Amino acid sequence: MIDLSEQKTVKEKLLEFLSNQDKPLMPKEISRLTGLNYNTVRARLHDLRKEGLVERMLEGWIAKKT
C-alpha cells in the first residue's frame, strides 16, 4: 500500500522542478518536461505566485530564491 503522506502535491513537484532549473521556463515547456497536464501547470503556477514562491518573468517562470 502506498503511503499517501509521502506523495508530493503538484505544487510541491512544480516548485522543486523550477528550483532545479537554471533558466525561466514557459508552462508548455514545464508540462512537456514534467509530464504534468498543461492546464494544471498553469493553474498551480498562479497559486504558487500568489504564495510568493515563484515569479513570472518575460522569458518564463522561475522559483524565487529563499
N, C-alpha and C. Protein backbone atom coordinates (compact mmCIF):
# COMPACT_ATOMS: atom_id res chain seq x y z
N MET A 1 0.84 -1.19 0.00
CA MET A 1 0.00 0.00 0.00
C MET A 1 0.88 1.25 0.00
N ILE A 2 0.47 2.25 -0.77
CA ILE A 2 1.23 3.50 -0.88
C ILE A 2 0.91 4.41 0.30
N ASP A 3 1.97 4.95 0.89
CA ASP A 3 1.80 5.91 1.99
C ASP A 3 1.51 7.28 1.39
N LEU A 4 0.26 7.73 1.48
CA LEU A 4 -0.15 8.99 0.87
C LEU A 4 0.56 10.20 1.46
N SER A 5 1.03 10.09 2.69
CA SER A 5 1.69 11.22 3.32
C SER A 5 3.03 11.53 2.64
N GLU A 6 3.59 10.56 1.90
CA GLU A 6 4.87 10.77 1.24
C GLU A 6 4.71 11.25 -0.20
N GLN A 7 3.49 11.27 -0.71
CA GLN A 7 3.28 11.73 -2.08
C GLN A 7 3.32 13.25 -2.11
N LYS A 8 4.04 13.77 -3.09
CA LYS A 8 4.14 15.22 -3.22
C LYS A 8 2.96 15.76 -4.00
N THR A 9 2.53 16.96 -3.63
CA THR A 9 1.47 17.61 -4.37
C THR A 9 2.03 18.15 -5.69
N VAL A 10 1.15 18.49 -6.59
CA VAL A 10 1.59 19.07 -7.87
C VAL A 10 2.35 20.37 -7.62
N LYS A 11 1.89 21.16 -6.67
CA LYS A 11 2.59 22.42 -6.37
C LYS A 11 3.99 22.14 -5.85
N GLU A 12 4.15 21.14 -5.00
CA GLU A 12 5.48 20.80 -4.49
C GLU A 12 6.39 20.31 -5.61
N LYS A 13 5.84 19.49 -6.51
CA LYS A 13 6.62 18.98 -7.64
C LYS A 13 7.07 20.14 -8.54
N LEU A 14 6.15 21.05 -8.82
CA LEU A 14 6.46 22.21 -9.67
C LEU A 14 7.54 23.08 -9.04
N LEU A 15 7.39 23.37 -7.78
CA LEU A 15 8.35 24.23 -7.09
C LEU A 15 9.73 23.57 -7.07
N GLU A 16 9.78 22.29 -6.78
CA GLU A 16 11.05 21.56 -6.77
C GLU A 16 11.68 21.57 -8.17
N PHE A 17 10.86 21.32 -9.19
CA PHE A 17 11.35 21.31 -10.57
C PHE A 17 11.92 22.67 -10.95
N LEU A 18 11.18 23.73 -10.69
CA LEU A 18 11.64 25.08 -11.05
C LEU A 18 12.89 25.48 -10.26
N SER A 19 12.99 25.02 -9.03
CA SER A 19 14.16 25.33 -8.21
C SER A 19 15.43 24.74 -8.79
N ASN A 20 15.28 23.65 -9.54
CA ASN A 20 16.44 22.96 -10.11
C ASN A 20 16.77 23.42 -11.53
N GLN A 21 16.05 24.40 -12.04
CA GLN A 21 16.30 24.89 -13.40
C GLN A 21 17.23 26.09 -13.36
N ASP A 22 18.00 26.26 -14.43
CA ASP A 22 18.93 27.39 -14.49
C ASP A 22 18.44 28.51 -15.39
N LYS A 23 17.20 28.38 -15.87
CA LYS A 23 16.61 29.43 -16.71
C LYS A 23 15.10 29.42 -16.54
N PRO A 24 14.45 30.53 -16.83
CA PRO A 24 12.98 30.58 -16.77
C PRO A 24 12.37 29.65 -17.83
N LEU A 25 11.23 29.04 -17.50
CA LEU A 25 10.55 28.15 -18.43
C LEU A 25 9.09 28.54 -18.59
N MET A 26 8.59 28.36 -19.79
CA MET A 26 7.18 28.62 -20.08
C MET A 26 6.36 27.39 -19.65
N PRO A 27 5.05 27.58 -19.38
CA PRO A 27 4.21 26.46 -18.94
C PRO A 27 4.24 25.25 -19.89
N LYS A 28 4.27 25.50 -21.20
CA LYS A 28 4.30 24.36 -22.14
C LYS A 28 5.58 23.54 -21.98
N GLU A 29 6.70 24.24 -21.76
CA GLU A 29 7.97 23.53 -21.53
C GLU A 29 7.91 22.74 -20.24
N ILE A 30 7.39 23.37 -19.20
CA ILE A 30 7.28 22.71 -17.89
C ILE A 30 6.41 21.47 -18.02
N SER A 31 5.28 21.60 -18.71
CA SER A 31 4.37 20.47 -18.91
C SER A 31 5.07 19.33 -19.64
N ARG A 32 5.79 19.67 -20.70
CA ARG A 32 6.47 18.66 -21.50
C ARG A 32 7.57 17.96 -20.69
N LEU A 33 8.33 18.72 -19.93
CA LEU A 33 9.46 18.16 -19.19
C LEU A 33 9.05 17.37 -17.95
N THR A 34 7.91 17.74 -17.36
CA THR A 34 7.48 17.07 -16.13
C THR A 34 6.43 15.99 -16.37
N GLY A 35 5.74 16.08 -17.53
CA GLY A 35 4.65 15.13 -17.79
C GLY A 35 3.34 15.55 -17.14
N LEU A 36 3.33 16.73 -16.52
CA LEU A 36 2.11 17.22 -15.89
C LEU A 36 1.22 17.88 -16.94
N ASN A 37 -0.09 17.84 -16.70
CA ASN A 37 -1.05 18.45 -17.61
C ASN A 37 -0.80 19.96 -17.72
N TYR A 38 -0.85 20.49 -18.93
CA TYR A 38 -0.57 21.91 -19.19
C TYR A 38 -1.48 22.83 -18.37
N ASN A 39 -2.78 22.56 -18.37
CA ASN A 39 -3.71 23.42 -17.63
C ASN A 39 -3.47 23.35 -16.13
N THR A 40 -3.09 22.18 -15.65
CA THR A 40 -2.76 22.01 -14.24
C THR A 40 -1.51 22.82 -13.90
N VAL A 41 -0.51 22.75 -14.77
CA VAL A 41 0.73 23.52 -14.57
C VAL A 41 0.41 25.01 -14.48
N ARG A 42 -0.37 25.51 -15.42
CA ARG A 42 -0.72 26.95 -15.41
C ARG A 42 -1.43 27.35 -14.12
N ALA A 43 -2.40 26.55 -13.72
CA ALA A 43 -3.18 26.87 -12.51
C ALA A 43 -2.30 26.85 -11.26
N ARG A 44 -1.45 25.82 -11.13
CA ARG A 44 -0.61 25.71 -9.94
C ARG A 44 0.48 26.78 -9.92
N LEU A 45 0.97 27.21 -11.09
CA LEU A 45 1.94 28.31 -11.14
C LEU A 45 1.32 29.59 -10.59
N HIS A 46 0.07 29.84 -10.95
CA HIS A 46 -0.61 31.03 -10.43
C HIS A 46 -0.83 30.92 -8.93
N ASP A 47 -1.15 29.72 -8.44
CA ASP A 47 -1.28 29.52 -6.99
C ASP A 47 0.05 29.80 -6.30
N LEU A 48 1.14 29.26 -6.86
CA LEU A 48 2.47 29.45 -6.27
C LEU A 48 2.88 30.92 -6.30
N ARG A 49 2.48 31.64 -7.35
CA ARG A 49 2.80 33.07 -7.42
C ARG A 49 2.07 33.83 -6.31
N LYS A 50 0.81 33.49 -6.08
CA LYS A 50 0.05 34.15 -5.01
C LYS A 50 0.69 33.90 -3.65
N GLU A 51 1.35 32.74 -3.51
CA GLU A 51 2.02 32.39 -2.25
C GLU A 51 3.43 32.98 -2.18
N GLY A 52 3.85 33.65 -3.24
CA GLY A 52 5.16 34.30 -3.25
C GLY A 52 6.32 33.35 -3.47
N LEU A 53 6.08 32.17 -4.05
CA LEU A 53 7.13 31.16 -4.21
C LEU A 53 7.74 31.13 -5.61
N VAL A 54 7.00 31.61 -6.59
CA VAL A 54 7.52 31.68 -7.96
C VAL A 54 7.22 33.06 -8.52
N GLU A 55 7.93 33.41 -9.59
CA GLU A 55 7.60 34.67 -10.24
C GLU A 55 7.64 34.51 -11.74
N ARG A 56 6.83 35.32 -12.40
CA ARG A 56 6.69 35.29 -13.85
C ARG A 56 7.60 36.36 -14.41
N MET A 57 8.49 35.93 -15.29
CA MET A 57 9.38 36.86 -15.98
C MET A 57 9.00 36.85 -17.45
N LEU A 58 9.57 37.75 -18.22
CA LEU A 58 9.29 37.81 -19.65
C LEU A 58 9.60 36.47 -20.33
N GLU A 59 10.68 35.82 -19.92
CA GLU A 59 11.12 34.57 -20.55
C GLU A 59 10.40 33.34 -20.03
N GLY A 60 9.72 33.45 -18.90
CA GLY A 60 9.02 32.30 -18.33
C GLY A 60 8.95 32.39 -16.81
N TRP A 61 8.74 31.25 -16.18
CA TRP A 61 8.55 31.18 -14.74
C TRP A 61 9.82 30.70 -14.05
N ILE A 62 10.08 31.26 -12.85
CA ILE A 62 11.21 30.82 -12.05
C ILE A 62 10.77 30.69 -10.59
N ALA A 63 11.50 29.86 -9.86
CA ALA A 63 11.28 29.76 -8.42
C ALA A 63 12.02 30.92 -7.77
N LYS A 64 11.40 31.54 -6.77
CA LYS A 64 12.09 32.61 -6.05
C LYS A 64 13.13 31.98 -5.13
N LYS A 65 14.27 32.62 -5.06
CA LYS A 65 15.35 32.14 -4.18
C LYS A 65 14.96 32.43 -2.73
N THR A 66 15.10 31.42 -1.88
CA THR A 66 14.75 31.62 -0.47
C THR A 66 15.96 31.70 0.41
